[in-house]
Protein backbone atom coordinates (compact mmCIF):
# COMPACT_ATOMS: atom_id res chain seq x y z
CA UNK A 1 0.00 0.00 0.00
CA UNK A 2 1.49 3.37 -0.98
CA UNK A 3 2.40 5.72 1.84
CA UNK A 4 -0.38 8.10 2.98
CA UNK A 5 1.01 11.11 4.87
CA UNK A 6 -2.50 12.46 5.51
CA UNK A 7 -3.43 9.28 7.37
CA UNK A 8 -0.31 9.62 9.53
CA UNK A 9 -1.20 13.25 10.30
CA UNK A 10 -4.75 12.23 11.26
CA UNK A 11 -3.46 9.45 13.56
CA UNK A 12 -1.01 11.88 15.15
CA UNK A 13 -3.87 14.38 15.75
CA UNK A 14 -5.82 11.68 17.64
CA UNK A 15 -2.78 11.02 19.85
CA UNK A 16 -2.26 14.77 20.40
CA UNK A 17 -5.89 15.31 21.39
CA UNK A 18 -5.55 12.65 24.10
CA UNK A 19 -2.36 14.19 25.54
CA UNK A 20 -2.90 14.89 29.23
CA UNK A 21 -1.18 18.15 30.04
CA UNK A 22 -2.05 20.94 32.43
CA UNK A 23 -4.16 22.68 31.16
CA UNK A 24 -5.51 19.89 28.91
CA UNK A 25 -5.21 20.00 25.12
CA UNK A 26 -8.51 21.33 23.79
CA UNK A 27 -8.19 20.43 20.11
CA UNK A 28 -5.77 18.81 17.66
CA UNK A 29 -5.84 19.59 13.94
CA UNK A 30 -4.63 17.44 11.07
CA UNK A 31 -4.37 20.66 9.00
CA UNK A 32 -4.09 24.32 10.03
CA UNK A 33 -7.45 25.75 11.18
CA UNK A 34 -8.94 28.76 9.40
CA UNK A 35 -10.46 30.21 12.58
CA UNK A 36 -8.89 30.99 15.96
CA UNK A 37 -9.09 28.04 18.32
CA UNK A 38 -9.09 27.59 22.09
CA UNK A 39 -5.64 27.07 23.55
CA UNK A 40 -3.68 24.91 24.10
CA UNK A 41 -4.07 23.01 20.83
CA UNK A 42 -1.97 21.10 18.28
CA UNK A 43 -1.58 21.79 14.54
CA UNK A 44 0.29 19.41 12.20
CA UNK A 45 2.43 20.39 9.21
CA UNK A 46 4.46 18.38 6.70
CA UNK A 47 8.12 19.03 7.40
CA UNK A 48 10.48 16.79 5.41
CA UNK A 49 11.04 13.21 4.38
CA UNK A 50 13.53 10.76 2.97
CA UNK A 51 12.93 7.64 0.86
CA UNK A 52 15.06 4.55 0.38
CA UNK A 53 13.83 2.69 -2.69
CA UNK A 54 15.21 -0.83 -3.07
CA UNK A 55 16.62 -2.25 -6.26
CA UNK A 56 14.19 -3.99 -8.55
CA UNK A 57 12.61 -7.00 -6.87
CA UNK A 58 14.61 -6.63 -3.64
CA UNK A 59 11.99 -5.57 -1.13
CA UNK A 60 9.81 -2.71 -0.03
CA UNK A 61 10.45 1.02 -0.05
CA UNK A 62 11.29 2.51 3.34
CA UNK A 63 10.81 6.13 4.31
CA UNK A 64 11.42 8.53 7.14
CA UNK A 65 8.76 11.24 7.40
CA UNK A 66 9.04 14.30 9.61
CA UNK A 67 5.85 15.99 10.73
CA UNK A 68 6.03 19.32 12.52
CA UNK A 69 3.55 19.03 15.40
CA UNK A 70 3.07 22.53 16.80
CA UNK A 71 1.49 22.93 20.23
CA UNK A 72 0.07 26.44 20.51
CA UNK A 73 0.10 27.13 24.26
CA UNK A 74 -0.76 30.86 24.62
CA UNK A 75 -1.18 34.12 22.78
CA UNK A 76 2.13 35.96 22.73
CA UNK A 77 0.56 38.86 24.65
CA UNK A 78 -0.58 36.45 27.40
CA UNK A 79 2.77 34.76 27.95
CA UNK A 80 2.93 34.87 31.76
CA UNK A 81 2.15 31.17 32.30
CA UNK A 82 3.12 30.01 28.79
CA UNK A 83 6.41 28.40 29.82
CA UNK A 84 4.76 26.40 32.58
CA UNK A 85 2.12 25.19 30.12
CA UNK A 86 4.83 24.43 27.52
CA UNK A 87 6.77 22.31 30.03
CA UNK A 88 3.65 20.30 30.79
CA UNK A 89 2.84 19.82 27.08
CA UNK A 90 6.43 18.73 26.26
CA UNK A 91 6.51 16.06 28.96
CA UNK A 92 2.99 14.78 28.27
CA UNK A 93 3.33 14.69 24.46
CA UNK A 94 6.70 12.92 24.42
CA UNK A 95 5.35 10.34 26.86
CA UNK A 96 2.16 9.88 24.78
CA UNK A 97 4.09 9.30 21.53
CA UNK A 98 6.35 6.82 23.35
CA UNK A 99 3.22 4.86 24.34
CA UNK A 100 1.86 4.86 20.75
CA UNK A 101 4.96 4.10 18.66
CA UNK A 102 3.00 2.82 15.63
CA UNK A 103 0.49 5.69 15.77
CA UNK A 104 -2.13 3.22 16.97
CA UNK A 105 -1.44 0.71 14.20
CA UNK A 106 -1.44 3.09 11.23
CA UNK A 107 -0.66 1.10 8.06
CA UNK A 108 3.02 1.07 7.20
CA UNK A 109 4.22 2.86 10.35
CA UNK A 110 7.11 1.03 11.99
CA UNK A 111 7.91 3.58 14.66
CA UNK A 112 7.18 7.19 15.59
CA UNK A 113 9.32 9.24 17.97
CA UNK A 114 9.79 12.85 19.01
CA UNK A 115 13.22 13.73 17.62
CA UNK A 116 13.32 17.21 19.18
CA UNK A 117 11.38 20.36 20.01
CA UNK A 118 11.74 24.14 20.02
CA UNK A 119 9.87 26.68 22.14
CA UNK A 120 9.16 30.22 20.97
CA UNK A 121 6.89 32.54 18.97
CA UNK A 122 4.72 30.89 16.29
CA UNK A 123 2.58 32.50 13.58
CA UNK A 124 0.25 30.39 11.46
CA UNK A 125 -0.26 31.27 7.78
CA UNK A 126 -4.03 31.14 8.29
CA UNK A 127 -4.00 33.48 11.32
CA UNK A 128 -1.74 36.50 11.83
CA UNK A 129 -2.12 36.34 15.62
CA UNK A 130 1.32 35.57 17.18
CA UNK A 131 1.31 32.62 19.60
CA UNK A 132 3.82 31.07 21.95
CA UNK A 133 4.23 27.42 21.18
CA UNK A 134 6.31 24.27 21.11
CA UNK A 135 7.27 22.94 17.70
CA UNK A 136 7.94 19.18 17.86
CA UNK A 137 9.85 17.24 15.20
CA UNK A 138 7.99 13.92 15.02
CA UNK A 139 10.02 11.37 13.07
CA UNK A 140 7.99 8.50 11.58
CA UNK A 141 9.73 5.46 10.05
CA UNK A 142 7.55 3.67 7.49
CA UNK A 143 7.49 0.91 4.90
CA UNK A 144 5.26 0.53 1.86
CA UNK A 145 3.73 -2.91 2.09
CA UNK A 146 2.63 -5.02 -0.87
CA UNK A 147 4.55 -3.14 -3.57
CA UNK A 148 7.09 -4.73 -5.91
CA UNK A 149 9.39 -2.42 -7.83
CA UNK A 150 10.04 -3.00 -11.51
CA UNK A 151 11.96 -1.11 -14.19
CA UNK A 152 8.76 0.60 -15.40
CA UNK A 153 7.70 1.80 -11.95
CA UNK A 154 5.96 -0.03 -9.17
CA UNK A 155 3.03 -2.40 -9.26
CA UNK A 156 0.88 -3.54 -6.35
CA UNK A 157 1.37 -7.29 -5.94
CA UNK A 158 -2.31 -8.08 -6.45
CA UNK A 159 -2.24 -6.44 -9.92
CA UNK A 160 0.53 -8.61 -11.34
CA UNK A 161 -1.01 -11.10 -13.82
CA UNK A 162 2.18 -12.94 -14.67
CA UNK A 163 4.81 -14.72 -12.62
CA UNK A 164 7.92 -12.73 -11.82
CA UNK A 165 10.76 -13.20 -14.35
CA UNK A 166 13.34 -15.88 -13.67
CA UNK A 167 16.85 -14.79 -12.93
CA UNK A 168 18.93 -14.66 -16.09
CA UNK A 169 21.93 -16.22 -14.37
CA UNK A 170 22.09 -19.96 -15.21
CA UNK A 171 22.30 -22.33 -12.28
CA UNK A 172 24.57 -25.36 -12.30
CA UNK A 173 22.90 -28.42 -10.81
CA UNK A 174 20.22 -27.61 -8.26
CA UNK A 175 16.54 -28.22 -8.84
CA UNK A 176 16.18 -26.48 -12.17
CA UNK A 177 17.16 -29.58 -14.13
CA UNK A 178 19.05 -27.42 -16.63
CA UNK A 179 22.46 -28.54 -17.77
CA UNK A 180 24.94 -25.80 -18.37
CA UNK A 181 28.10 -26.18 -20.35
CA UNK A 182 30.90 -23.99 -19.10
CA UNK A 183 34.18 -23.60 -20.94
CA UNK A 184 37.29 -22.66 -19.07
CA UNK A 185 39.73 -21.55 -21.71
CA UNK A 186 42.78 -21.23 -19.55
CA UNK A 187 42.91 -24.87 -18.56
CA UNK A 188 41.46 -26.36 -21.72
CA UNK A 189 38.98 -28.42 -19.63
CA UNK A 190 35.27 -28.55 -20.27
CA UNK A 191 32.75 -29.29 -17.60
C-alpha atoms as a PDB file:
ATOM      1  CA  UNK A   1       0.000   0.000   0.000  1.00  0.00           C
ATOM      2  CA  UNK A   2       1.494   3.366  -0.979  1.00  0.00           C
ATOM      3  CA  UNK A   3       2.400   5.724   1.838  1.00  0.00           C
ATOM      4  CA  UNK A   4      -0.379   8.101   2.985  1.00  0.00           C
ATOM      5  CA  UNK A   5       1.014  11.105   4.866  1.00  0.00           C
ATOM      6  CA  UNK A   6      -2.497  12.464   5.506  1.00  0.00           C
ATOM      7  CA  UNK A   7      -3.430   9.285   7.371  1.00  0.00           C
ATOM      8  CA  UNK A   8      -0.308   9.622   9.530  1.00  0.00           C
ATOM      9  CA  UNK A   9      -1.203  13.246  10.300  1.00  0.00           C
ATOM     10  CA  UNK A  10      -4.752  12.232  11.261  1.00  0.00           C
ATOM     11  CA  UNK A  11      -3.458   9.454  13.556  1.00  0.00           C
ATOM     12  CA  UNK A  12      -1.013  11.885  15.148  1.00  0.00           C
ATOM     13  CA  UNK A  13      -3.872  14.380  15.750  1.00  0.00           C
ATOM     14  CA  UNK A  14      -5.815  11.679  17.637  1.00  0.00           C
ATOM     15  CA  UNK A  15      -2.782  11.021  19.851  1.00  0.00           C
ATOM     16  CA  UNK A  16      -2.257  14.767  20.396  1.00  0.00           C
ATOM     17  CA  UNK A  17      -5.891  15.313  21.394  1.00  0.00           C
ATOM     18  CA  UNK A  18      -5.548  12.650  24.095  1.00  0.00           C
ATOM     19  CA  UNK A  19      -2.356  14.188  25.538  1.00  0.00           C
ATOM     20  CA  UNK A  20      -2.903  14.889  29.227  1.00  0.00           C
ATOM     21  CA  UNK A  21      -1.179  18.151  30.040  1.00  0.00           C
ATOM     22  CA  UNK A  22      -2.051  20.942  32.435  1.00  0.00           C
ATOM     23  CA  UNK A  23      -4.162  22.679  31.163  1.00  0.00           C
ATOM     24  CA  UNK A  24      -5.515  19.889  28.913  1.00  0.00           C
ATOM     25  CA  UNK A  25      -5.211  19.998  25.117  1.00  0.00           C
ATOM     26  CA  UNK A  26      -8.509  21.332  23.794  1.00  0.00           C
ATOM     27  CA  UNK A  27      -8.191  20.435  20.108  1.00  0.00           C
ATOM     28  CA  UNK A  28      -5.775  18.808  17.655  1.00  0.00           C
ATOM     29  CA  UNK A  29      -5.843  19.593  13.944  1.00  0.00           C
ATOM     30  CA  UNK A  30      -4.635  17.441  11.073  1.00  0.00           C
ATOM     31  CA  UNK A  31      -4.373  20.664   8.998  1.00  0.00           C
ATOM     32  CA  UNK A  32      -4.088  24.322  10.031  1.00  0.00           C
ATOM     33  CA  UNK A  33      -7.449  25.746  11.177  1.00  0.00           C
ATOM     34  CA  UNK A  34      -8.942  28.755   9.403  1.00  0.00           C
ATOM     35  CA  UNK A  35     -10.455  30.207  12.579  1.00  0.00           C
ATOM     36  CA  UNK A  36      -8.888  30.993  15.955  1.00  0.00           C
ATOM     37  CA  UNK A  37      -9.091  28.036  18.318  1.00  0.00           C
ATOM     38  CA  UNK A  38      -9.090  27.585  22.092  1.00  0.00           C
ATOM     39  CA  UNK A  39      -5.637  27.072  23.554  1.00  0.00           C
ATOM     40  CA  UNK A  40      -3.678  24.915  24.097  1.00  0.00           C
ATOM     41  CA  UNK A  41      -4.067  23.013  20.829  1.00  0.00           C
ATOM     42  CA  UNK A  42      -1.970  21.100  18.277  1.00  0.00           C
ATOM     43  CA  UNK A  43      -1.584  21.788  14.544  1.00  0.00           C
ATOM     44  CA  UNK A  44       0.293  19.411  12.202  1.00  0.00           C
ATOM     45  CA  UNK A  45       2.428  20.386   9.207  1.00  0.00           C
ATOM     46  CA  UNK A  46       4.456  18.381   6.698  1.00  0.00           C
ATOM     47  CA  UNK A  47       8.122  19.034   7.398  1.00  0.00           C
ATOM     48  CA  UNK A  48      10.481  16.788   5.413  1.00  0.00           C
ATOM     49  CA  UNK A  49      11.044  13.206   4.378  1.00  0.00           C
ATOM     50  CA  UNK A  50      13.534  10.757   2.970  1.00  0.00           C
ATOM     51  CA  UNK A  51      12.927   7.643   0.860  1.00  0.00           C
ATOM     52  CA  UNK A  52      15.065   4.549   0.382  1.00  0.00           C
ATOM     53  CA  UNK A  53      13.829   2.690  -2.689  1.00  0.00           C
ATOM     54  CA  UNK A  54      15.214  -0.832  -3.070  1.00  0.00           C
ATOM     55  CA  UNK A  55      16.624  -2.251  -6.255  1.00  0.00           C
ATOM     56  CA  UNK A  56      14.195  -3.991  -8.555  1.00  0.00           C
ATOM     57  CA  UNK A  57      12.609  -6.999  -6.865  1.00  0.00           C
ATOM     58  CA  UNK A  58      14.612  -6.629  -3.644  1.00  0.00           C
ATOM     59  CA  UNK A  59      11.988  -5.567  -1.135  1.00  0.00           C
ATOM     60  CA  UNK A  60       9.805  -2.710  -0.035  1.00  0.00           C
ATOM     61  CA  UNK A  61      10.446   1.020  -0.047  1.00  0.00           C
ATOM     62  CA  UNK A  62      11.286   2.507   3.344  1.00  0.00           C
ATOM     63  CA  UNK A  63      10.812   6.131   4.313  1.00  0.00           C
ATOM     64  CA  UNK A  64      11.419   8.528   7.138  1.00  0.00           C
ATOM     65  CA  UNK A  65       8.762  11.243   7.403  1.00  0.00           C
ATOM     66  CA  UNK A  66       9.042  14.301   9.613  1.00  0.00           C
ATOM     67  CA  UNK A  67       5.854  15.991  10.735  1.00  0.00           C
ATOM     68  CA  UNK A  68       6.033  19.317  12.516  1.00  0.00           C
ATOM     69  CA  UNK A  69       3.546  19.032  15.399  1.00  0.00           C
ATOM     70  CA  UNK A  70       3.066  22.528  16.803  1.00  0.00           C
ATOM     71  CA  UNK A  71       1.488  22.933  20.229  1.00  0.00           C
ATOM     72  CA  UNK A  72       0.066  26.442  20.513  1.00  0.00           C
ATOM     73  CA  UNK A  73       0.099  27.126  24.257  1.00  0.00           C
ATOM     74  CA  UNK A  74      -0.764  30.858  24.624  1.00  0.00           C
ATOM     75  CA  UNK A  75      -1.178  34.117  22.776  1.00  0.00           C
ATOM     76  CA  UNK A  76       2.125  35.965  22.729  1.00  0.00           C
ATOM     77  CA  UNK A  77       0.559  38.855  24.646  1.00  0.00           C
ATOM     78  CA  UNK A  78      -0.575  36.452  27.403  1.00  0.00           C
ATOM     79  CA  UNK A  79       2.768  34.761  27.947  1.00  0.00           C
ATOM     80  CA  UNK A  80       2.935  34.865  31.762  1.00  0.00           C
ATOM     81  CA  UNK A  81       2.151  31.173  32.296  1.00  0.00           C
ATOM     82  CA  UNK A  82       3.118  30.013  28.793  1.00  0.00           C
ATOM     83  CA  UNK A  83       6.406  28.397  29.819  1.00  0.00           C
ATOM     84  CA  UNK A  84       4.763  26.397  32.583  1.00  0.00           C
ATOM     85  CA  UNK A  85       2.118  25.189  30.117  1.00  0.00           C
ATOM     86  CA  UNK A  86       4.827  24.428  27.521  1.00  0.00           C
ATOM     87  CA  UNK A  87       6.772  22.307  30.031  1.00  0.00           C
ATOM     88  CA  UNK A  88       3.651  20.299  30.791  1.00  0.00           C
ATOM     89  CA  UNK A  89       2.841  19.815  27.082  1.00  0.00           C
ATOM     90  CA  UNK A  90       6.428  18.728  26.264  1.00  0.00           C
ATOM     91  CA  UNK A  91       6.512  16.063  28.961  1.00  0.00           C
ATOM     92  CA  UNK A  92       2.990  14.781  28.271  1.00  0.00           C
ATOM     93  CA  UNK A  93       3.329  14.693  24.459  1.00  0.00           C
ATOM     94  CA  UNK A  94       6.704  12.918  24.416  1.00  0.00           C
ATOM     95  CA  UNK A  95       5.347  10.336  26.858  1.00  0.00           C
ATOM     96  CA  UNK A  96       2.156   9.883  24.781  1.00  0.00           C
ATOM     97  CA  UNK A  97       4.089   9.299  21.527  1.00  0.00           C
ATOM     98  CA  UNK A  98       6.352   6.821  23.350  1.00  0.00           C
ATOM     99  CA  UNK A  99       3.222   4.860  24.339  1.00  0.00           C
ATOM    100  CA  UNK A 100       1.863   4.865  20.754  1.00  0.00           C
ATOM    101  CA  UNK A 101       4.965   4.101  18.662  1.00  0.00           C
ATOM    102  CA  UNK A 102       3.002   2.817  15.629  1.00  0.00           C
ATOM    103  CA  UNK A 103       0.491   5.695  15.766  1.00  0.00           C
ATOM    104  CA  UNK A 104      -2.126   3.221  16.969  1.00  0.00           C
ATOM    105  CA  UNK A 105      -1.440   0.710  14.198  1.00  0.00           C
ATOM    106  CA  UNK A 106      -1.437   3.093  11.235  1.00  0.00           C
ATOM    107  CA  UNK A 107      -0.664   1.104   8.062  1.00  0.00           C
ATOM    108  CA  UNK A 108       3.018   1.067   7.200  1.00  0.00           C
ATOM    109  CA  UNK A 109       4.217   2.861  10.348  1.00  0.00           C
ATOM    110  CA  UNK A 110       7.107   1.032  11.987  1.00  0.00           C
ATOM    111  CA  UNK A 111       7.909   3.585  14.661  1.00  0.00           C
ATOM    112  CA  UNK A 112       7.185   7.191  15.591  1.00  0.00           C
ATOM    113  CA  UNK A 113       9.316   9.235  17.971  1.00  0.00           C
ATOM    114  CA  UNK A 114       9.788  12.847  19.008  1.00  0.00           C
ATOM    115  CA  UNK A 115      13.222  13.735  17.617  1.00  0.00           C
ATOM    116  CA  UNK A 116      13.323  17.208  19.176  1.00  0.00           C
ATOM    117  CA  UNK A 117      11.378  20.358  20.012  1.00  0.00           C
ATOM    118  CA  UNK A 118      11.736  24.137  20.017  1.00  0.00           C
ATOM    119  CA  UNK A 119       9.865  26.677  22.140  1.00  0.00           C
ATOM    120  CA  UNK A 120       9.163  30.216  20.973  1.00  0.00           C
ATOM    121  CA  UNK A 121       6.890  32.537  18.968  1.00  0.00           C
ATOM    122  CA  UNK A 122       4.724  30.893  16.286  1.00  0.00           C
ATOM    123  CA  UNK A 123       2.584  32.499  13.582  1.00  0.00           C
ATOM    124  CA  UNK A 124       0.254  30.386  11.458  1.00  0.00           C
ATOM    125  CA  UNK A 125      -0.257  31.268   7.783  1.00  0.00           C
ATOM    126  CA  UNK A 126      -4.029  31.144   8.292  1.00  0.00           C
ATOM    127  CA  UNK A 127      -3.997  33.478  11.319  1.00  0.00           C
ATOM    128  CA  UNK A 128      -1.741  36.505  11.829  1.00  0.00           C
ATOM    129  CA  UNK A 129      -2.116  36.342  15.625  1.00  0.00           C
ATOM    130  CA  UNK A 130       1.316  35.570  17.183  1.00  0.00           C
ATOM    131  CA  UNK A 131       1.310  32.620  19.596  1.00  0.00           C
ATOM    132  CA  UNK A 132       3.821  31.070  21.951  1.00  0.00           C
ATOM    133  CA  UNK A 133       4.234  27.416  21.181  1.00  0.00           C
ATOM    134  CA  UNK A 134       6.307  24.271  21.108  1.00  0.00           C
ATOM    135  CA  UNK A 135       7.273  22.940  17.701  1.00  0.00           C
ATOM    136  CA  UNK A 136       7.941  19.176  17.864  1.00  0.00           C
ATOM    137  CA  UNK A 137       9.851  17.242  15.202  1.00  0.00           C
ATOM    138  CA  UNK A 138       7.989  13.918  15.021  1.00  0.00           C
ATOM    139  CA  UNK A 139      10.021  11.366  13.068  1.00  0.00           C
ATOM    140  CA  UNK A 140       7.992   8.503  11.582  1.00  0.00           C
ATOM    141  CA  UNK A 141       9.726   5.463  10.050  1.00  0.00           C
ATOM    142  CA  UNK A 142       7.553   3.670   7.493  1.00  0.00           C
ATOM    143  CA  UNK A 143       7.490   0.913   4.903  1.00  0.00           C
ATOM    144  CA  UNK A 144       5.256   0.528   1.863  1.00  0.00           C
ATOM    145  CA  UNK A 145       3.728  -2.915   2.086  1.00  0.00           C
ATOM    146  CA  UNK A 146       2.626  -5.021  -0.868  1.00  0.00           C
ATOM    147  CA  UNK A 147       4.548  -3.136  -3.569  1.00  0.00           C
ATOM    148  CA  UNK A 148       7.095  -4.732  -5.915  1.00  0.00           C
ATOM    149  CA  UNK A 149       9.387  -2.422  -7.826  1.00  0.00           C
ATOM    150  CA  UNK A 150      10.043  -2.998 -11.508  1.00  0.00           C
ATOM    151  CA  UNK A 151      11.961  -1.107 -14.190  1.00  0.00           C
ATOM    152  CA  UNK A 152       8.756   0.597 -15.396  1.00  0.00           C
ATOM    153  CA  UNK A 153       7.704   1.800 -11.955  1.00  0.00           C
ATOM    154  CA  UNK A 154       5.957  -0.026  -9.165  1.00  0.00           C
ATOM    155  CA  UNK A 155       3.027  -2.404  -9.264  1.00  0.00           C
ATOM    156  CA  UNK A 156       0.877  -3.544  -6.351  1.00  0.00           C
ATOM    157  CA  UNK A 157       1.370  -7.289  -5.940  1.00  0.00           C
ATOM    158  CA  UNK A 158      -2.314  -8.079  -6.448  1.00  0.00           C
ATOM    159  CA  UNK A 159      -2.245  -6.442  -9.925  1.00  0.00           C
ATOM    160  CA  UNK A 160       0.525  -8.609 -11.339  1.00  0.00           C
ATOM    161  CA  UNK A 161      -1.007 -11.096 -13.816  1.00  0.00           C
ATOM    162  CA  UNK A 162       2.176 -12.937 -14.674  1.00  0.00           C
ATOM    163  CA  UNK A 163       4.807 -14.724 -12.621  1.00  0.00           C
ATOM    164  CA  UNK A 164       7.919 -12.727 -11.825  1.00  0.00           C
ATOM    165  CA  UNK A 165      10.759 -13.201 -14.348  1.00  0.00           C
ATOM    166  CA  UNK A 166      13.342 -15.882 -13.672  1.00  0.00           C
ATOM    167  CA  UNK A 167      16.854 -14.793 -12.929  1.00  0.00           C
ATOM    168  CA  UNK A 168      18.927 -14.661 -16.092  1.00  0.00           C
ATOM    169  CA  UNK A 169      21.927 -16.216 -14.374  1.00  0.00           C
ATOM    170  CA  UNK A 170      22.086 -19.956 -15.211  1.00  0.00           C
ATOM    171  CA  UNK A 171      22.302 -22.333 -12.275  1.00  0.00           C
ATOM    172  CA  UNK A 172      24.569 -25.360 -12.302  1.00  0.00           C
ATOM    173  CA  UNK A 173      22.898 -28.419 -10.805  1.00  0.00           C
ATOM    174  CA  UNK A 174      20.217 -27.610  -8.257  1.00  0.00           C
ATOM    175  CA  UNK A 175      16.542 -28.224  -8.841  1.00  0.00           C
ATOM    176  CA  UNK A 176      16.182 -26.476 -12.173  1.00  0.00           C
ATOM    177  CA  UNK A 177      17.163 -29.580 -14.132  1.00  0.00           C
ATOM    178  CA  UNK A 178      19.048 -27.422 -16.626  1.00  0.00           C
ATOM    179  CA  UNK A 179      22.462 -28.540 -17.774  1.00  0.00           C
ATOM    180  CA  UNK A 180      24.937 -25.803 -18.368  1.00  0.00           C
ATOM    181  CA  UNK A 181      28.100 -26.177 -20.355  1.00  0.00           C
ATOM    182  CA  UNK A 182      30.902 -23.994 -19.103  1.00  0.00           C
ATOM    183  CA  UNK A 183      34.182 -23.598 -20.935  1.00  0.00           C
ATOM    184  CA  UNK A 184      37.288 -22.661 -19.070  1.00  0.00           C
ATOM    185  CA  UNK A 185      39.726 -21.545 -21.711  1.00  0.00           C
ATOM    186  CA  UNK A 186      42.782 -21.229 -19.551  1.00  0.00           C
ATOM    187  CA  UNK A 187      42.915 -24.875 -18.556  1.00  0.00           C
ATOM    188  CA  UNK A 188      41.456 -26.359 -21.723  1.00  0.00           C
ATOM    189  CA  UNK A 189      38.984 -28.425 -19.632  1.00  0.00           C
ATOM    190  CA  UNK A 190      35.273 -28.546 -20.273  1.00  0.00           C
ATOM    191  CA  UNK A 191      32.748 -29.293 -17.604  1.00  0.00           C
END
